[in-house]
């Protein structure tokens, strides 16, 4: 007896259904809200040369609200991708997309006017402190209250800690030992940067290849194996189409968050300067907003009992920033 095969009409009708599921009214609304705010700020920027304190506070409140709305859309797409791709791919899509855009944002500030020589160090350090203290602690509280004992995969957690130990040594210890005045010489900085990138590339290869199981939860591995054995060729094509669409929507939703964070930085500097607050506070607030999508995802994963995903988000989200 021949196995049933999918007809062309069924495959064709499944494609628009997948597109409609990904490009839902909520997703399109968040995209329109985020990009509309970016365009509106670009148009209004010439008229905001010296805004009053009330205008600054109103703009800040509006930008924060839009960023939170867009961040919820990023979290929704990331959770769908995590279910489709499995760990650690689902987490990597979210983390690396945010890290790449964050690096572009920091580079644009460094190359722009003004003295921002320490912004890279300050922003990365602020994000690291938020991730490993506030977010990880909040995730432990949420997951512990709901599920009791939390059990991450010890092999994956140990691999993260070993990598972070090497990166921290390269960032903080070696400059004082082999550098001049606590800083690398130009040649040392280039060599250290290249070796760091090679190390993280090797770790990424191991994480997504031979040691992928170390970054998964055992129950998730069993379910994924059963699901893969039951899928047909048409199901796999539909899954690839959905993954591509969701990845595009995720990136398109993350970009306005980063652009609005850049505008929010200027408004924060202006507001904090008027009230006499320290300028470093703006870097902490910007770091908190930049990591908001990953924070929400980590808390939702903790509430669902996905301990290893929390580890992947917190420790894995910190590693590429140092690399």
Protein backbone atom coordinates (compact mmCIF):
# COMPACT_ATOMS: atom_id res chain seq x y z
CA UNK A 1 0.00 0.00 0.00
CA UNK A 2 1.41 3.36 -1.06
CA UNK A 3 1.96 6.05 1.55
CA UNK A 4 -0.17 9.18 1.07
CA UNK A 5 1.67 12.06 -0.55
CA UNK A 6 0.90 15.75 -0.42
CA UNK A 7 -0.75 17.13 -3.54
CA UNK A 8 0.46 20.35 -5.21
CA UNK A 9 -2.76 22.13 -4.26
CA UNK A 10 -2.32 21.22 -0.60
CA UNK A 11 1.29 22.42 -0.63
CA UNK A 12 0.31 25.64 -2.40
CA UNK A 13 -2.48 26.36 0.07
CA UNK A 14 -0.15 25.66 2.99
CA UNK A 15 2.28 28.39 1.89
CA UNK A 16 -0.17 31.33 2.20
CA UNK A 17 -1.38 29.87 5.50
CA UNK A 18 2.19 29.90 6.84
CA UNK A 19 2.67 33.47 5.64
CA UNK A 20 -0.56 34.55 7.33
CA UNK A 21 0.48 32.82 10.55
CA UNK A 22 3.83 34.63 10.61
CA UNK A 23 2.64 38.01 9.31
CA UNK A 24 -0.22 38.24 11.75
CA UNK A 25 -1.94 41.58 12.45
CA UNK A 26 -0.04 41.82 15.75
CA UNK A 27 3.34 41.28 14.05
CA UNK A 28 2.57 43.77 11.29
CA UNK A 29 1.28 46.25 13.86
CA UNK A 30 4.52 46.07 15.86
CA UNK A 31 6.58 46.46 12.70
CA UNK A 32 4.55 49.50 11.66
CA UNK A 33 4.76 50.98 15.14
CA UNK A 34 8.53 50.57 15.41
CA UNK A 35 9.47 51.77 11.94
CA UNK A 36 6.86 54.54 12.07
CA UNK A 37 8.46 55.87 15.24
CA UNK A 38 11.92 55.74 13.62
CA UNK A 39 10.68 57.73 10.61
CA UNK A 40 8.79 60.21 12.81
CA UNK A 41 11.87 60.91 14.92
CA UNK A 42 13.98 61.37 11.80
CA UNK A 43 11.48 63.93 10.46
CA UNK A 44 11.08 65.76 13.78
CA UNK A 45 14.76 65.77 14.74
CA UNK A 46 15.56 69.19 13.14
CA UNK A 47 12.75 70.75 15.20
CA UNK A 48 14.03 69.24 18.47
CA UNK A 49 17.30 71.16 18.77
CA UNK A 50 16.48 72.52 22.25
CA UNK A 51 13.30 70.84 23.56
CA UNK A 52 11.86 71.67 26.95
CA UNK A 53 12.01 69.28 29.87
CA UNK A 54 8.36 68.29 29.41
CA UNK A 55 8.92 67.45 25.74
CA UNK A 56 12.01 65.39 26.61
CA UNK A 57 10.14 63.37 29.22
CA UNK A 58 7.19 62.82 26.88
CA UNK A 59 9.47 61.61 24.09
CA UNK A 60 11.30 59.30 26.49
CA UNK A 61 8.05 57.77 27.72
CA UNK A 62 6.81 57.27 24.17
CA UNK A 63 10.06 55.69 22.97
CA UNK A 64 10.20 53.32 25.96
CA UNK A 65 6.59 52.24 25.37
CA UNK A 66 7.28 51.55 21.68
CA UNK A 67 10.45 49.62 22.52
CA UNK A 68 8.54 47.45 25.00
CA UNK A 69 5.85 46.73 22.38
CA UNK A 70 8.47 45.79 19.77
CA UNK A 71 10.36 43.69 22.31
CA UNK A 72 7.25 41.61 22.95
CA UNK A 73 7.11 40.92 19.20
CA UNK A 74 10.76 39.85 19.19
CA UNK A 75 10.07 37.48 22.09
CA UNK A 76 7.09 35.96 20.27
CA UNK A 77 9.11 35.27 17.11
CA UNK A 78 12.05 33.93 19.13
CA UNK A 79 9.81 31.48 20.98
CA UNK A 80 8.34 30.18 17.71
CA UNK A 81 11.84 29.78 16.27
CA UNK A 82 13.02 27.99 19.40
CA UNK A 83 10.20 25.47 19.01
CA UNK A 84 10.96 24.98 15.32
CA UNK A 85 14.75 24.95 15.45
CA UNK A 86 15.31 23.54 18.92
CA UNK A 87 18.14 24.56 21.21
CA UNK A 88 20.65 26.07 20.90
CA UNK A 89 19.64 27.39 17.46
CA UNK A 90 16.52 29.18 18.70
CA UNK A 91 18.50 31.10 21.30
CA UNK A 92 21.37 31.85 18.90
CA UNK A 93 19.05 33.47 16.36
CA UNK A 94 17.79 35.91 18.98
CA UNK A 95 21.15 36.51 20.67
CA UNK A 96 23.30 36.97 17.59
CA UNK A 97 20.80 39.25 15.84
CA UNK A 98 20.76 41.57 18.85
CA UNK A 99 24.54 41.40 19.32
CA UNK A 100 25.26 42.25 15.67
CA UNK A 101 22.98 45.27 15.75
CA UNK A 102 24.38 46.32 19.14
CA UNK A 103 27.92 46.23 17.72
CA UNK A 104 26.82 48.34 14.75
CA UNK A 105 25.19 50.82 17.12
CA UNK A 106 28.30 51.11 19.32
CA UNK A 107 30.52 51.50 16.25
CA UNK A 108 28.34 54.29 14.87
CA UNK A 109 28.59 56.15 18.20
CA UNK A 110 32.36 55.65 18.32
CA UNK A 111 32.77 57.02 14.79
CA UNK A 112 30.39 59.91 15.40
CA UNK A 113 31.06 63.31 16.93
CA UNK A 114 31.93 63.65 20.59
CA UNK A 115 34.23 61.82 22.98
CA UNK A 116 32.91 58.29 23.49
CA UNK A 117 36.17 56.37 23.92
CA UNK A 118 34.83 54.13 26.70
CA UNK A 119 31.31 53.47 25.39
CA UNK A 120 32.15 49.96 24.16
CA UNK A 121 33.62 48.91 27.50
CA UNK A 122 30.90 50.61 29.54
CA UNK A 123 27.99 49.27 27.50
CA UNK A 124 29.28 45.69 27.36
CA UNK A 125 30.10 45.71 31.07
CA UNK A 126 26.66 47.11 31.91
CA UNK A 127 24.96 44.43 29.81
CA UNK A 128 27.08 41.73 31.47
CA UNK A 129 26.16 42.91 34.95
CA UNK A 130 22.47 43.05 34.02
CA UNK A 131 22.54 39.57 32.48
CA UNK A 132 24.49 37.67 35.12
CA UNK A 133 22.97 39.40 38.14
CA UNK A 134 19.53 40.89 37.52
CA UNK A 135 18.22 38.66 34.71
CA UNK A 136 19.75 35.38 35.94
CA UNK A 137 18.59 36.08 39.49
CA UNK A 138 15.07 36.99 38.41
CA UNK A 139 14.89 33.86 36.23
CA UNK A 140 15.96 31.69 39.18
CA UNK A 141 13.27 33.24 41.37
CA UNK A 142 10.54 32.84 38.74
CA UNK A 143 11.51 29.28 37.83
CA UNK A 144 12.14 28.22 41.42
CA UNK A 145 8.79 29.47 42.69
CA UNK A 146 6.91 27.70 39.91
CA UNK A 147 8.89 24.48 39.44
CA UNK A 148 10.96 24.04 42.59
CA UNK A 149 14.30 22.44 41.69
CA UNK A 150 15.85 23.74 38.44
CA UNK A 151 18.27 21.40 36.69
CA UNK A 152 20.32 22.78 33.79
CA UNK A 153 22.51 20.59 31.63
CA UNK A 154 25.80 20.58 33.61
CA UNK A 155 27.98 19.94 30.55
CA UNK A 156 26.64 22.99 28.72
CA UNK A 157 26.87 25.23 31.77
CA UNK A 158 30.47 24.13 32.39
CA UNK A 159 31.39 24.89 28.78
CA UNK A 160 29.94 28.41 29.08
CA UNK A 161 31.82 29.08 32.33
CA UNK A 162 35.10 27.84 30.85
CA UNK A 163 34.70 30.10 27.80
CA UNK A 164 33.76 33.11 29.91
CA UNK A 165 36.78 32.52 32.15
CA UNK A 166 39.11 32.70 29.15
CA UNK A 167 37.38 35.79 27.73
CA UNK A 168 37.46 37.59 31.07
CA UNK A 169 41.15 36.80 31.46
CA UNK A 170 41.86 38.23 28.00
CA UNK A 171 39.80 41.35 28.76
CA UNK A 172 40.89 42.20 32.31
CA UNK A 173 43.97 40.21 33.38
CA UNK A 174 46.27 40.07 30.36
CA UNK A 175 46.26 43.85 29.65
CA UNK A 176 47.76 44.45 33.08
CA UNK A 177 50.34 41.66 32.68
CA UNK A 178 51.59 42.13 29.12
CA UNK A 179 50.18 45.54 28.18
CA UNK A 180 51.40 49.07 28.73
CA UNK A 181 49.62 51.02 31.46
CA UNK A 182 46.83 48.47 31.75
CA UNK A 183 46.04 48.49 28.01
CA UNK A 184 47.08 46.34 25.07
CA UNK A 185 49.57 47.70 22.57
CA UNK A 186 48.12 47.90 19.01
CA UNK A 187 49.77 44.65 17.91
CA UNK A 188 48.70 42.87 21.08
CA UNK A 189 45.12 44.12 20.68
CA UNK A 190 44.91 42.82 17.10
CA UNK A 191 46.36 39.43 18.02
CA UNK A 192 44.09 39.09 21.05
CA UNK A 193 41.04 40.10 19.00
CA UNK A 194 41.79 37.54 16.29
CA UNK A 195 42.40 34.76 18.82
CA UNK A 196 39.19 35.68 20.65
CA UNK A 197 37.15 35.47 17.44
CA UNK A 198 38.74 32.13 16.55
CA UNK A 199 37.97 30.80 20.04
CA UNK A 200 34.33 31.86 19.88
CA UNK A 201 33.98 30.48 16.34
CA UNK A 202 35.31 27.12 17.55
CA UNK A 203 32.94 27.20 20.53
CA UNK A 204 30.01 28.03 18.22
CA UNK A 205 30.94 25.10 15.98
CA UNK A 206 30.99 22.74 18.95
CA UNK A 207 27.76 24.20 20.35
CA UNK A 208 25.80 23.70 17.13
CA UNK A 209 27.56 20.50 16.05
CA UNK A 210 29.26 17.71 18.00
CA UNK A 211 28.26 19.01 21.44
CA UNK A 212 24.79 20.25 20.61
CA UNK A 213 23.21 17.89 23.14
CA UNK A 214 25.13 19.60 25.94
CA UNK A 215 23.02 22.73 25.36
CA UNK A 216 19.65 20.97 25.23
CA UNK A 217 17.35 19.63 27.88
CA UNK A 218 17.00 15.81 27.78
CA UNK A 219 13.21 15.84 27.41
CA UNK A 220 13.42 18.31 24.54
CA UNK A 221 15.90 16.04 22.71
CA UNK A 222 13.52 13.07 22.93
CA UNK A 223 10.55 15.09 21.68
CA UNK A 224 12.59 16.57 18.82
CA UNK A 225 13.78 13.13 17.70
CA UNK A 226 10.22 11.78 17.65
CA UNK A 227 8.94 14.83 15.77
CA UNK A 228 11.69 14.57 13.14
CA UNK A 229 10.91 10.92 12.51
CA UNK A 230 7.24 11.73 11.91
CA UNK A 231 7.66 14.67 9.50
CA UNK A 232 7.28 14.41 5.74
CA UNK A 233 9.18 16.23 2.99
CA UNK A 234 6.31 18.72 2.60
CA UNK A 235 6.36 19.38 6.36
CA UNK A 236 10.09 20.06 6.23
CA UNK A 237 9.69 22.49 3.33
CA UNK A 238 6.94 24.30 5.18
CA UNK A 239 9.05 24.43 8.32
CA UNK A 240 12.01 25.93 6.42
CA UNK A 241 9.69 28.54 4.88
CA UNK A 242 8.30 29.46 8.27
CA UNK A 243 11.76 29.65 9.83
CA UNK A 244 12.94 32.02 7.10
CA UNK A 245 9.90 34.25 7.46
CA UNK A 246 10.08 34.37 11.25
CA UNK A 247 13.81 35.12 11.17
CA UNK A 248 13.18 38.03 8.82
CA UNK A 249 10.36 39.40 10.98
CA UNK A 250 12.51 39.03 14.11
CA UNK A 251 15.41 41.01 12.61
CA UNK A 252 13.04 43.62 11.15
CA UNK A 253 11.54 44.09 14.62
CA UNK A 254 14.88 44.23 16.42
CA UNK A 255 16.36 46.96 14.18
CA UNK A 256 13.92 49.74 15.22
CA UNK A 257 14.56 48.83 18.88
CA UNK A 258 18.25 49.55 18.37
CA UNK A 259 17.60 52.72 16.38
CA UNK A 260 15.16 54.02 18.97
CA UNK A 261 17.64 53.14 21.72
CA UNK A 262 20.18 55.40 20.00
CA UNK A 263 17.68 58.27 19.96
CA UNK A 264 16.75 57.52 23.54
CA UNK A 265 20.43 57.79 24.55
CA UNK A 266 20.56 61.44 23.46
CA UNK A 267 17.33 62.24 25.25
CA UNK A 268 18.54 60.50 28.39
CA UNK A 269 21.80 62.46 28.36
CA UNK A 270 19.79 65.66 28.03
CA UNK A 271 17.35 64.76 30.79
CA UNK A 272 19.99 63.47 33.20
CA UNK A 273 22.12 66.55 32.59
CA UNK A 274 19.24 68.83 33.51
CA UNK A 275 18.53 67.00 36.75
CA UNK A 276 22.23 66.61 37.64
CA UNK A 277 22.34 62.80 37.48
CA UNK A 278 25.64 61.05 36.57
CA UNK A 279 26.18 60.54 32.85
CA UNK A 280 27.08 56.85 33.37
CA UNK A 281 23.46 56.21 34.33
CA UNK A 282 22.40 56.63 30.71
CA UNK A 283 24.66 53.73 29.67
CA UNK A 284 23.03 51.47 32.25
CA UNK A 285 19.53 52.39 31.10
CA UNK A 286 20.43 51.90 27.45
CA UNK A 287 21.96 48.51 28.22
CA UNK A 288 18.78 47.49 30.03
CA UNK A 289 16.63 48.48 27.04
CA UNK A 290 18.94 46.77 24.54
CA UNK A 291 18.74 43.47 26.45
CA UNK A 292 14.98 43.74 27.01
CA UNK A 293 13.97 41.13 24.37
CA UNK A 294 16.39 38.56 25.77
CA UNK A 295 15.30 39.42 29.33
CA UNK A 296 11.64 38.76 28.54
CA UNK A 297 12.54 35.53 26.75
CA UNK A 298 14.65 34.32 29.68
CA UNK A 299 11.88 35.02 32.19
CA UNK A 300 9.27 33.25 30.05
CA UNK A 301 11.63 30.28 29.65
CA UNK A 302 12.14 30.13 33.42
CA UNK A 303 8.38 30.23 33.98
CA UNK A 304 8.03 27.31 31.54
CA UNK A 305 10.73 25.31 33.34
CA UNK A 306 13.22 25.54 30.44
CA UNK A 307 16.29 25.89 32.63
CA UNK A 308 18.86 25.16 29.93
CA UNK A 309 17.35 27.82 27.69
CA UNK A 310 17.78 30.35 30.51
CA UNK A 311 21.45 29.32 30.70
CA UNK A 312 21.81 29.62 26.92
CA UNK A 313 20.29 33.09 26.95
CA UNK A 314 22.21 34.49 29.93
CA UNK A 315 25.63 32.89 29.52
CA UNK A 316 25.41 32.50 25.75
CA UNK A 317 24.18 36.07 25.36
CA UNK A 318 27.23 37.37 27.21
CA UNK A 319 29.90 35.33 25.37
CA UNK A 320 29.57 36.92 21.86
CA UNK A 321 29.63 40.41 23.37
CA UNK A 322 33.06 39.77 24.89
CA UNK A 323 34.22 38.00 21.72
